[in-house]
Amino acid sequence: MYPMPVVLVGTHVEGKPNFMTVGWVSRVNFKPPLLAIAVSHGHHTAKGIRETGTFSVNIPGADMVEVTDYCGLVSGRNTDKSALFDLFYGVTGTAPMIIQCPLNIECRLSQTIDLPSNALFIGEIVDAYAEARFLKDGKPDIKAMNPFVLTMPDNGYWAVGEHLAQAWSVGKRLKRA
């Protein structure tokens, strides 16, 4: 997929909060609302998600690109990455979330699919959190959030561009033709 959203996935591993940078994340179901993340079997975060049955998907703003990249360079086995952030918890109690991120999504593990090199963790969204300044009409405001994406194979981070059109609307003129 090109490009991919960049998120920080949080969970508890051996009783401690941990975060990992993830570029493989997608919404996969409407009702119930499900997200999927792909994490290598050997990652510390994968162990924590299996232990707790919970995880968070924290969407960083472009101003967090350096700390987000760092969280993908070091392992939680050796480094306490939670010390980089101000944390809070929601209803699950074991899915740490990052106050500095414009949007935080708390998930309860619904299903795990073991693939050859990764585990595909499918989580049901139990709650979402954002400050009012990141919302417009009660919905996430992409301009205010200012998220960034990952492109591969060039391994670049890119800011999100301008609004082009309204989804499920702009093509209606062609439908009538």
N, C-alpha and C. Protein backbone atom coordinates (compact mmCIF):
# COMPACT_ATOMS: atom_id res chain seq x y z
N MET A 1 0.84 -1.19 0.00
CA MET A 1 0.00 0.00 0.00
C MET A 1 0.88 1.24 0.00
N TYR A 2 0.43 2.24 -0.66
CA TYR A 2 1.25 3.44 -0.83
C TYR A 2 0.34 4.65 -0.83
N PRO A 3 0.41 5.54 0.11
CA PRO A 3 1.22 5.54 1.33
C PRO A 3 0.49 4.81 2.46
N MET A 4 1.14 4.76 3.63
CA MET A 4 0.56 4.10 4.79
C MET A 4 0.54 5.08 5.96
N PRO A 5 -0.53 5.04 6.77
CA PRO A 5 -0.55 5.91 7.95
C PRO A 5 0.54 5.47 8.93
N VAL A 6 1.05 6.40 9.69
CA VAL A 6 2.05 6.09 10.72
C VAL A 6 1.38 6.28 12.08
N VAL A 7 1.45 5.25 12.92
CA VAL A 7 0.85 5.31 14.24
C VAL A 7 1.83 4.78 15.29
N LEU A 8 1.53 5.08 16.53
CA LEU A 8 2.26 4.51 17.65
C LEU A 8 1.30 3.55 18.35
N VAL A 9 1.64 2.27 18.38
CA VAL A 9 0.81 1.26 19.02
C VAL A 9 1.30 1.08 20.45
N GLY A 10 0.36 1.14 21.38
CA GLY A 10 0.70 0.99 22.79
C GLY A 10 0.07 -0.24 23.39
N THR A 11 0.79 -0.85 24.31
CA THR A 11 0.26 -1.97 25.09
C THR A 11 1.14 -2.13 26.33
N HIS A 12 0.74 -2.99 27.23
CA HIS A 12 1.57 -3.32 28.37
C HIS A 12 2.31 -4.61 28.04
N VAL A 13 3.59 -4.64 28.35
CA VAL A 13 4.39 -5.85 28.18
C VAL A 13 5.07 -6.10 29.52
N GLU A 14 4.80 -7.27 30.08
CA GLU A 14 5.33 -7.63 31.39
C GLU A 14 5.01 -6.55 32.42
N GLY A 15 3.77 -6.01 32.33
CA GLY A 15 3.29 -5.04 33.29
C GLY A 15 3.73 -3.60 33.08
N LYS A 16 4.47 -3.32 32.00
CA LYS A 16 4.97 -1.97 31.75
C LYS A 16 4.44 -1.44 30.43
N PRO A 17 4.14 -0.13 30.36
CA PRO A 17 3.68 0.44 29.09
C PRO A 17 4.80 0.45 28.05
N ASN A 18 4.43 0.18 26.81
CA ASN A 18 5.40 0.16 25.72
C ASN A 18 4.72 0.67 24.45
N PHE A 19 5.54 1.29 23.59
CA PHE A 19 5.03 1.82 22.32
C PHE A 19 5.93 1.39 21.18
N MET A 20 5.32 1.23 20.02
CA MET A 20 6.04 0.82 18.81
C MET A 20 5.47 1.57 17.61
N THR A 21 6.32 2.01 16.72
CA THR A 21 5.88 2.64 15.48
C THR A 21 5.39 1.57 14.52
N VAL A 22 4.20 1.80 13.94
CA VAL A 22 3.60 0.84 13.03
C VAL A 22 3.10 1.58 11.78
N GLY A 23 3.43 1.03 10.62
CA GLY A 23 2.96 1.59 9.36
C GLY A 23 1.91 0.71 8.70
N TRP A 24 1.70 -0.47 9.24
CA TRP A 24 0.72 -1.39 8.66
C TRP A 24 -0.51 -1.39 9.56
N VAL A 25 -1.44 -0.49 9.27
CA VAL A 25 -2.66 -0.34 10.07
C VAL A 25 -3.82 -0.01 9.13
N SER A 26 -4.99 -0.57 9.44
CA SER A 26 -6.14 -0.32 8.57
C SER A 26 -7.44 -0.53 9.31
N ARG A 27 -8.44 0.23 8.94
CA ARG A 27 -9.80 -0.02 9.38
C ARG A 27 -10.28 -1.23 8.58
N VAL A 28 -10.88 -2.22 9.23
CA VAL A 28 -11.25 -3.44 8.52
C VAL A 28 -12.73 -3.83 8.66
N ASN A 29 -13.49 -3.14 9.50
CA ASN A 29 -14.90 -3.47 9.65
C ASN A 29 -15.64 -2.27 10.21
N PHE A 30 -16.92 -2.14 9.81
CA PHE A 30 -17.73 -1.00 10.24
C PHE A 30 -18.46 -1.29 11.56
N LYS A 31 -19.29 -2.36 11.59
CA LYS A 31 -20.02 -2.71 12.80
C LYS A 31 -19.76 -4.16 13.14
N PRO A 32 -19.07 -4.50 14.18
CA PRO A 32 -18.45 -3.56 15.11
C PRO A 32 -17.23 -2.89 14.47
N PRO A 33 -16.83 -1.73 15.00
CA PRO A 33 -15.67 -1.05 14.42
C PRO A 33 -14.37 -1.79 14.76
N LEU A 34 -13.67 -2.25 13.72
CA LEU A 34 -12.44 -3.02 13.91
C LEU A 34 -11.28 -2.36 13.17
N LEU A 35 -10.10 -2.41 13.81
CA LEU A 35 -8.84 -1.99 13.21
C LEU A 35 -7.92 -3.19 13.17
N ALA A 36 -7.03 -3.22 12.18
CA ALA A 36 -6.02 -4.28 12.12
C ALA A 36 -4.64 -3.64 12.07
N ILE A 37 -3.72 -4.24 12.79
CA ILE A 37 -2.32 -3.83 12.74
C ILE A 37 -1.49 -5.09 12.52
N ALA A 38 -0.41 -4.94 11.75
CA ALA A 38 0.49 -6.07 11.52
C ALA A 38 1.79 -5.79 12.27
N VAL A 39 2.19 -6.76 13.11
CA VAL A 39 3.39 -6.62 13.93
C VAL A 39 4.20 -7.90 13.81
N SER A 40 5.49 -7.76 13.59
CA SER A 40 6.37 -8.91 13.48
C SER A 40 6.28 -9.77 14.74
N HIS A 41 6.29 -11.08 14.56
CA HIS A 41 6.18 -12.01 15.69
C HIS A 41 7.23 -11.73 16.77
N GLY A 42 8.41 -11.33 16.39
CA GLY A 42 9.49 -11.15 17.35
C GLY A 42 9.46 -9.84 18.12
N HIS A 43 8.58 -8.93 17.76
CA HIS A 43 8.55 -7.63 18.44
C HIS A 43 7.99 -7.75 19.85
N HIS A 44 8.56 -6.95 20.72
CA HIS A 44 8.14 -6.87 22.12
C HIS A 44 6.65 -6.53 22.22
N THR A 45 6.20 -5.64 21.36
CA THR A 45 4.80 -5.21 21.37
C THR A 45 3.86 -6.38 21.07
N ALA A 46 4.22 -7.26 20.16
CA ALA A 46 3.38 -8.42 19.85
C ALA A 46 3.16 -9.27 21.10
N LYS A 47 4.21 -9.44 21.88
CA LYS A 47 4.11 -10.20 23.12
C LYS A 47 3.11 -9.54 24.07
N GLY A 48 3.17 -8.21 24.17
CA GLY A 48 2.27 -7.49 25.07
C GLY A 48 0.82 -7.57 24.65
N ILE A 49 0.57 -7.47 23.36
CA ILE A 49 -0.81 -7.56 22.88
C ILE A 49 -1.38 -8.94 23.18
N ARG A 50 -0.56 -9.97 22.98
CA ARG A 50 -1.01 -11.33 23.30
C ARG A 50 -1.26 -11.49 24.80
N GLU A 51 -0.41 -10.87 25.63
CA GLU A 51 -0.55 -10.96 27.10
C GLU A 51 -1.81 -10.28 27.60
N THR A 52 -2.06 -9.06 27.13
CA THR A 52 -3.13 -8.23 27.70
C THR A 52 -4.44 -8.32 26.95
N GLY A 53 -4.38 -8.63 25.66
CA GLY A 53 -5.59 -8.63 24.85
C GLY A 53 -6.09 -7.23 24.54
N THR A 54 -5.19 -6.23 24.69
CA THR A 54 -5.56 -4.84 24.41
C THR A 54 -4.40 -4.14 23.71
N PHE A 55 -4.74 -3.06 23.00
CA PHE A 55 -3.71 -2.18 22.44
C PHE A 55 -4.35 -0.85 22.10
N SER A 56 -3.50 0.15 21.95
CA SER A 56 -3.97 1.46 21.52
C SER A 56 -3.31 1.82 20.20
N VAL A 57 -4.02 2.61 19.41
CA VAL A 57 -3.49 3.16 18.16
C VAL A 57 -3.50 4.67 18.35
N ASN A 58 -2.31 5.24 18.46
CA ASN A 58 -2.13 6.65 18.73
C ASN A 58 -1.63 7.32 17.45
N ILE A 59 -2.36 8.31 16.98
CA ILE A 59 -2.01 8.97 15.72
C ILE A 59 -1.22 10.23 16.03
N PRO A 60 0.09 10.21 15.73
CA PRO A 60 0.92 11.39 16.02
C PRO A 60 0.76 12.47 14.95
N GLY A 61 0.98 13.70 15.37
CA GLY A 61 1.03 14.80 14.42
C GLY A 61 2.42 14.88 13.81
N ALA A 62 2.56 15.65 12.73
CA ALA A 62 3.85 15.80 12.05
C ALA A 62 4.92 16.35 12.98
N ASP A 63 4.52 17.10 14.00
CA ASP A 63 5.50 17.62 14.96
C ASP A 63 6.13 16.52 15.82
N MET A 64 5.59 15.30 15.72
CA MET A 64 6.10 14.16 16.50
C MET A 64 6.91 13.19 15.64
N VAL A 65 7.31 13.60 14.43
CA VAL A 65 7.98 12.67 13.51
C VAL A 65 9.27 12.11 14.11
N GLU A 66 10.06 12.91 14.79
CA GLU A 66 11.33 12.42 15.33
C GLU A 66 11.11 11.37 16.42
N VAL A 67 10.24 11.64 17.37
CA VAL A 67 10.01 10.70 18.46
C VAL A 67 9.29 9.45 17.95
N THR A 68 8.44 9.61 16.94
CA THR A 68 7.76 8.46 16.35
C THR A 68 8.76 7.55 15.65
N ASP A 69 9.66 8.12 14.88
CA ASP A 69 10.69 7.33 14.21
C ASP A 69 11.55 6.60 15.23
N TYR A 70 11.94 7.30 16.29
CA TYR A 70 12.77 6.71 17.35
C TYR A 70 12.10 5.46 17.93
N CYS A 71 10.79 5.54 18.14
CA CYS A 71 10.07 4.40 18.72
C CYS A 71 10.08 3.17 17.81
N GLY A 72 10.40 3.37 16.54
CA GLY A 72 10.53 2.25 15.62
C GLY A 72 11.96 1.76 15.49
N LEU A 73 12.89 2.50 16.07
CA LEU A 73 14.31 2.14 15.98
C LEU A 73 14.82 1.34 17.17
N VAL A 74 14.17 1.49 18.33
CA VAL A 74 14.63 0.81 19.54
C VAL A 74 13.55 -0.12 20.06
N SER A 75 13.98 -1.18 20.72
CA SER A 75 13.05 -2.16 21.27
C SER A 75 12.69 -1.84 22.71
N GLY A 76 11.44 -2.08 23.05
CA GLY A 76 10.99 -1.93 24.42
C GLY A 76 11.62 -2.94 25.36
N ARG A 77 12.27 -3.96 24.82
CA ARG A 77 13.00 -4.90 25.68
C ARG A 77 14.14 -4.20 26.40
N ASN A 78 14.74 -3.20 25.71
CA ASN A 78 15.93 -2.53 26.24
C ASN A 78 15.71 -1.07 26.60
N THR A 79 14.63 -0.47 26.14
CA THR A 79 14.41 0.97 26.30
C THR A 79 12.99 1.24 26.77
N ASP A 80 12.85 2.09 27.79
CA ASP A 80 11.54 2.50 28.27
C ASP A 80 11.05 3.67 27.42
N LYS A 81 10.35 3.35 26.34
CA LYS A 81 9.86 4.40 25.44
C LYS A 81 8.68 5.16 26.04
N SER A 82 8.03 4.59 27.03
CA SER A 82 6.89 5.28 27.64
C SER A 82 7.33 6.57 28.34
N ALA A 83 8.58 6.66 28.72
CA ALA A 83 9.10 7.86 29.40
C ALA A 83 9.14 9.07 28.47
N LEU A 84 8.98 8.85 27.16
CA LEU A 84 8.99 9.94 26.18
C LEU A 84 7.66 10.70 26.15
N PHE A 85 6.62 10.13 26.74
CA PHE A 85 5.27 10.66 26.58
C PHE A 85 4.57 10.85 27.92
N ASP A 86 3.52 11.66 27.88
CA ASP A 86 2.57 11.74 28.98
C ASP A 86 1.48 10.74 28.65
N LEU A 87 1.19 9.83 29.57
CA LEU A 87 0.28 8.72 29.29
C LEU A 87 -1.06 8.89 30.00
N PHE A 88 -2.07 8.23 29.44
CA PHE A 88 -3.35 8.08 30.12
C PHE A 88 -3.94 6.74 29.70
N TYR A 89 -4.95 6.31 30.44
CA TYR A 89 -5.60 5.03 30.19
C TYR A 89 -7.11 5.22 30.08
N GLY A 90 -7.72 4.35 29.32
CA GLY A 90 -9.17 4.36 29.18
C GLY A 90 -9.77 3.18 29.91
N VAL A 91 -10.83 2.62 29.34
CA VAL A 91 -11.60 1.58 30.02
C VAL A 91 -10.87 0.25 30.17
N THR A 92 -9.95 -0.07 29.27
CA THR A 92 -9.29 -1.38 29.37
C THR A 92 -8.24 -1.41 30.47
N GLY A 93 -7.62 -0.27 30.75
CA GLY A 93 -6.60 -0.20 31.80
C GLY A 93 -5.24 -0.72 31.40
N THR A 94 -5.12 -1.36 30.23
CA THR A 94 -3.83 -1.92 29.82
C THR A 94 -3.43 -1.49 28.40
N ALA A 95 -4.12 -0.49 27.88
CA ALA A 95 -3.78 0.05 26.56
C ALA A 95 -3.34 1.50 26.77
N PRO A 96 -2.05 1.72 27.05
CA PRO A 96 -1.59 3.09 27.31
C PRO A 96 -1.75 3.97 26.08
N MET A 97 -2.15 5.21 26.33
CA MET A 97 -2.33 6.16 25.23
C MET A 97 -1.50 7.41 25.51
N ILE A 98 -1.21 8.15 24.45
CA ILE A 98 -0.26 9.26 24.48
C ILE A 98 -1.01 10.59 24.40
N ILE A 99 -0.92 11.39 25.45
CA ILE A 99 -1.59 12.68 25.49
C ILE A 99 -1.15 13.57 24.33
N GLN A 100 0.12 13.53 23.95
CA GLN A 100 0.65 14.39 22.88
C GLN A 100 0.08 14.06 21.50
N CYS A 101 -0.51 12.89 21.32
CA CYS A 101 -1.08 12.51 20.02
C CYS A 101 -2.46 13.12 19.86
N PRO A 102 -2.74 13.66 18.68
CA PRO A 102 -4.05 14.27 18.45
C PRO A 102 -5.23 13.31 18.55
N LEU A 103 -5.02 12.05 18.24
CA LEU A 103 -6.11 11.07 18.29
C LEU A 103 -5.58 9.77 18.86
N ASN A 104 -6.35 9.21 19.80
CA ASN A 104 -5.99 7.95 20.45
C ASN A 104 -7.18 7.01 20.34
N ILE A 105 -6.92 5.77 19.92
CA ILE A 105 -7.98 4.79 19.73
C ILE A 105 -7.65 3.58 20.60
N GLU A 106 -8.56 3.25 21.48
CA GLU A 106 -8.38 2.14 22.41
C GLU A 106 -9.07 0.90 21.87
N CYS A 107 -8.33 -0.22 21.81
CA CYS A 107 -8.86 -1.45 21.21
C CYS A 107 -8.74 -2.64 22.15
N ARG A 108 -9.72 -3.51 22.03
CA ARG A 108 -9.68 -4.81 22.70
C ARG A 108 -9.46 -5.84 21.61
N LEU A 109 -8.49 -6.73 21.80
CA LEU A 109 -8.15 -7.73 20.80
C LEU A 109 -9.36 -8.61 20.48
N SER A 110 -9.70 -8.68 19.21
CA SER A 110 -10.82 -9.48 18.75
C SER A 110 -10.36 -10.79 18.12
N GLN A 111 -9.26 -10.70 17.36
CA GLN A 111 -8.77 -11.88 16.65
C GLN A 111 -7.30 -11.68 16.32
N THR A 112 -6.56 -12.76 16.29
CA THR A 112 -5.17 -12.74 15.86
C THR A 112 -5.02 -13.73 14.72
N ILE A 113 -4.42 -13.26 13.65
CA ILE A 113 -4.14 -14.14 12.51
C ILE A 113 -2.63 -14.21 12.38
N ASP A 114 -2.09 -15.41 12.57
CA ASP A 114 -0.65 -15.59 12.46
C ASP A 114 -0.28 -15.80 11.00
N LEU A 115 0.49 -14.85 10.48
CA LEU A 115 1.00 -14.90 9.12
C LEU A 115 2.45 -15.38 9.17
N PRO A 116 3.10 -15.61 8.06
CA PRO A 116 4.47 -16.14 8.10
C PRO A 116 5.45 -15.30 8.94
N SER A 117 5.46 -13.99 8.79
CA SER A 117 6.43 -13.19 9.57
C SER A 117 5.77 -12.24 10.55
N ASN A 118 4.47 -12.03 10.43
CA ASN A 118 3.76 -11.07 11.27
C ASN A 118 2.53 -11.70 11.90
N ALA A 119 2.08 -11.04 12.97
CA ALA A 119 0.77 -11.33 13.53
C ALA A 119 -0.13 -10.18 13.10
N LEU A 120 -1.29 -10.51 12.57
CA LEU A 120 -2.28 -9.50 12.25
C LEU A 120 -3.24 -9.46 13.44
N PHE A 121 -3.14 -8.37 14.20
CA PHE A 121 -3.99 -8.19 15.38
C PHE A 121 -5.19 -7.36 14.96
N ILE A 122 -6.38 -7.92 15.15
CA ILE A 122 -7.60 -7.21 14.85
C ILE A 122 -8.22 -6.81 16.18
N GLY A 123 -8.41 -5.52 16.34
CA GLY A 123 -8.94 -5.02 17.60
C GLY A 123 -10.25 -4.30 17.40
N GLU A 124 -11.17 -4.53 18.33
CA GLU A 124 -12.43 -3.79 18.31
C GLU A 124 -12.21 -2.47 19.03
N ILE A 125 -12.62 -1.39 18.40
CA ILE A 125 -12.48 -0.07 19.01
C ILE A 125 -13.47 0.02 20.17
N VAL A 126 -12.94 0.25 21.37
CA VAL A 126 -13.81 0.40 22.54
C VAL A 126 -14.03 1.87 22.88
N ASP A 127 -13.10 2.73 22.48
CA ASP A 127 -13.26 4.17 22.68
C ASP A 127 -12.21 4.92 21.89
N ALA A 128 -12.46 6.20 21.69
CA ALA A 128 -11.51 7.07 21.00
C ALA A 128 -11.45 8.39 21.75
N TYR A 129 -10.27 9.00 21.75
CA TYR A 129 -10.04 10.20 22.55
C TYR A 129 -9.31 11.25 21.72
N ALA A 130 -9.79 12.49 21.82
CA ALA A 130 -9.14 13.61 21.15
C ALA A 130 -9.53 14.89 21.88
N GLU A 131 -8.61 15.84 21.93
CA GLU A 131 -8.94 17.15 22.48
C GLU A 131 -9.84 17.88 21.49
N ALA A 132 -10.66 18.79 22.00
CA ALA A 132 -11.60 19.55 21.16
C ALA A 132 -10.90 20.28 20.02
N ARG A 133 -9.67 20.72 20.23
CA ARG A 133 -8.96 21.47 19.19
C ARG A 133 -8.62 20.61 17.96
N PHE A 134 -8.72 19.29 18.09
CA PHE A 134 -8.45 18.40 16.96
C PHE A 134 -9.74 17.89 16.30
N LEU A 135 -10.86 18.47 16.70
CA LEU A 135 -12.15 18.05 16.16
C LEU A 135 -12.83 19.19 15.42
N LYS A 136 -13.66 18.82 14.46
CA LYS A 136 -14.50 19.78 13.74
C LYS A 136 -15.87 19.12 13.63
N ASP A 137 -16.87 19.74 14.19
CA ASP A 137 -18.21 19.17 14.23
C ASP A 137 -18.21 17.78 14.88
N GLY A 138 -17.39 17.61 15.91
CA GLY A 138 -17.33 16.36 16.66
C GLY A 138 -16.57 15.23 15.99
N LYS A 139 -15.93 15.51 14.84
CA LYS A 139 -15.19 14.48 14.11
C LYS A 139 -13.73 14.92 13.99
N PRO A 140 -12.80 13.95 13.88
CA PRO A 140 -11.39 14.32 13.73
C PRO A 140 -11.18 15.26 12.54
N ASP A 141 -10.42 16.32 12.77
CA ASP A 141 -10.10 17.32 11.75
C ASP A 141 -8.67 17.06 11.27
N ILE A 142 -8.53 16.54 10.06
CA ILE A 142 -7.21 16.14 9.56
C ILE A 142 -6.24 17.31 9.51
N LYS A 143 -6.72 18.51 9.20
CA LYS A 143 -5.82 19.68 9.16
C LYS A 143 -5.28 19.98 10.55
N ALA A 144 -6.15 19.97 11.55
CA ALA A 144 -5.72 20.26 12.92
C ALA A 144 -4.83 19.16 13.47
N MET A 145 -5.16 17.90 13.14
CA MET A 145 -4.35 16.77 13.62
C MET A 145 -2.97 16.74 12.97
N ASN A 146 -2.92 17.08 11.68
CA ASN A 146 -1.67 17.10 10.92
C ASN A 146 -0.89 15.78 11.00
N PRO A 147 -1.54 14.65 10.66
CA PRO A 147 -0.84 13.37 10.70
C PRO A 147 0.16 13.26 9.54
N PHE A 148 0.95 12.21 9.57
CA PHE A 148 1.87 11.99 8.46
C PHE A 148 1.80 10.54 8.02
N VAL A 149 2.35 10.28 6.83
CA VAL A 149 2.29 8.95 6.25
C VAL A 149 3.70 8.47 5.91
N LEU A 150 3.80 7.17 5.68
CA LEU A 150 5.05 6.51 5.31
C LEU A 150 4.93 6.02 3.88
N THR A 151 5.96 6.29 3.07
CA THR A 151 6.01 5.73 1.73
C THR A 151 7.16 4.73 1.66
N MET A 152 6.88 3.62 1.00
CA MET A 152 7.89 2.59 0.80
C MET A 152 7.87 2.23 -0.68
N PRO A 153 8.94 1.97 -1.33
CA PRO A 153 10.23 1.56 -0.78
C PRO A 153 11.21 2.70 -0.50
N ASP A 154 10.80 3.96 -0.66
CA ASP A 154 11.76 5.05 -0.42
C ASP A 154 11.92 5.39 1.06
N ASN A 155 11.07 4.80 1.94
CA ASN A 155 11.14 5.01 3.38
C ASN A 155 11.10 6.49 3.75
N GLY A 156 10.11 7.19 3.21
CA GLY A 156 9.95 8.61 3.50
C GLY A 156 8.70 8.89 4.32
N TYR A 157 8.78 9.91 5.17
CA TYR A 157 7.61 10.40 5.89
C TYR A 157 7.11 11.64 5.15
N TRP A 158 5.81 11.74 4.97
CA TRP A 158 5.20 12.84 4.23
C TRP A 158 4.02 13.39 5.00
N ALA A 159 3.87 14.70 4.98
CA ALA A 159 2.70 15.33 5.57
C ALA A 159 1.50 15.11 4.65
N VAL A 160 0.32 15.15 5.21
CA VAL A 160 -0.90 14.99 4.44
C VAL A 160 -1.19 16.29 3.69
N GLY A 161 -1.66 16.20 2.46
CA GLY A 161 -1.90 17.37 1.61
C GLY A 161 -3.27 18.00 1.77
N GLU A 162 -3.69 18.68 0.74
CA GLU A 162 -4.94 19.43 0.73
C GLU A 162 -6.16 18.54 0.47
N HIS A 163 -7.31 18.99 0.93
CA HIS A 163 -8.58 18.33 0.68
C HIS A 163 -8.90 18.41 -0.81
N LEU A 164 -9.26 17.31 -1.43
CA LEU A 164 -9.55 17.28 -2.87
C LEU A 164 -11.04 17.33 -3.17
N ALA A 165 -11.81 16.51 -2.46
CA ALA A 165 -13.24 16.41 -2.73
C ALA A 165 -13.89 15.61 -1.61
N GLN A 166 -15.21 15.56 -1.61
CA GLN A 166 -15.95 14.80 -0.61
C GLN A 166 -16.15 13.37 -1.10
N ALA A 167 -15.75 12.40 -0.29
CA ALA A 167 -15.91 10.99 -0.64
C ALA A 167 -17.38 10.61 -0.76
N TRP A 168 -17.68 9.67 -1.61
CA TRP A 168 -19.03 9.18 -1.89
C TRP A 168 -19.95 10.32 -2.32
N SER A 169 -19.36 11.32 -2.96
CA SER A 169 -20.14 12.46 -3.44
C SER A 169 -19.62 12.99 -4.76
N VAL A 170 -18.30 13.19 -4.85
CA VAL A 170 -17.71 13.84 -6.02
C VAL A 170 -18.01 13.08 -7.32
N GLY A 171 -18.18 11.79 -7.25
CA GLY A 171 -18.42 11.00 -8.45
C GLY A 171 -19.88 10.87 -8.85
N LYS A 172 -20.78 11.46 -8.08
CA LYS A 172 -22.22 11.32 -8.36
C LYS A 172 -22.60 11.87 -9.74
N ARG A 173 -21.94 12.91 -10.20
CA ARG A 173 -22.25 13.48 -11.50
C ARG A 173 -22.06 12.43 -12.60
N LEU A 174 -21.01 11.64 -12.49
CA LEU A 174 -20.75 10.59 -13.50
C LEU A 174 -21.76 9.46 -13.41
N LYS A 175 -22.28 9.22 -12.22
CA LYS A 175 -23.25 8.16 -12.01
C LYS A 175 -24.55 8.45 -12.76
N ARG A 176 -24.88 9.72 -12.89
CA ARG A 176 -26.11 10.13 -13.58
C ARG A 176 -25.97 10.09 -15.09
N ALA A 177 -24.74 10.07 -15.58
CA ALA A 177 -24.51 10.14 -17.03
C ALA A 177 -24.88 8.86 -17.74
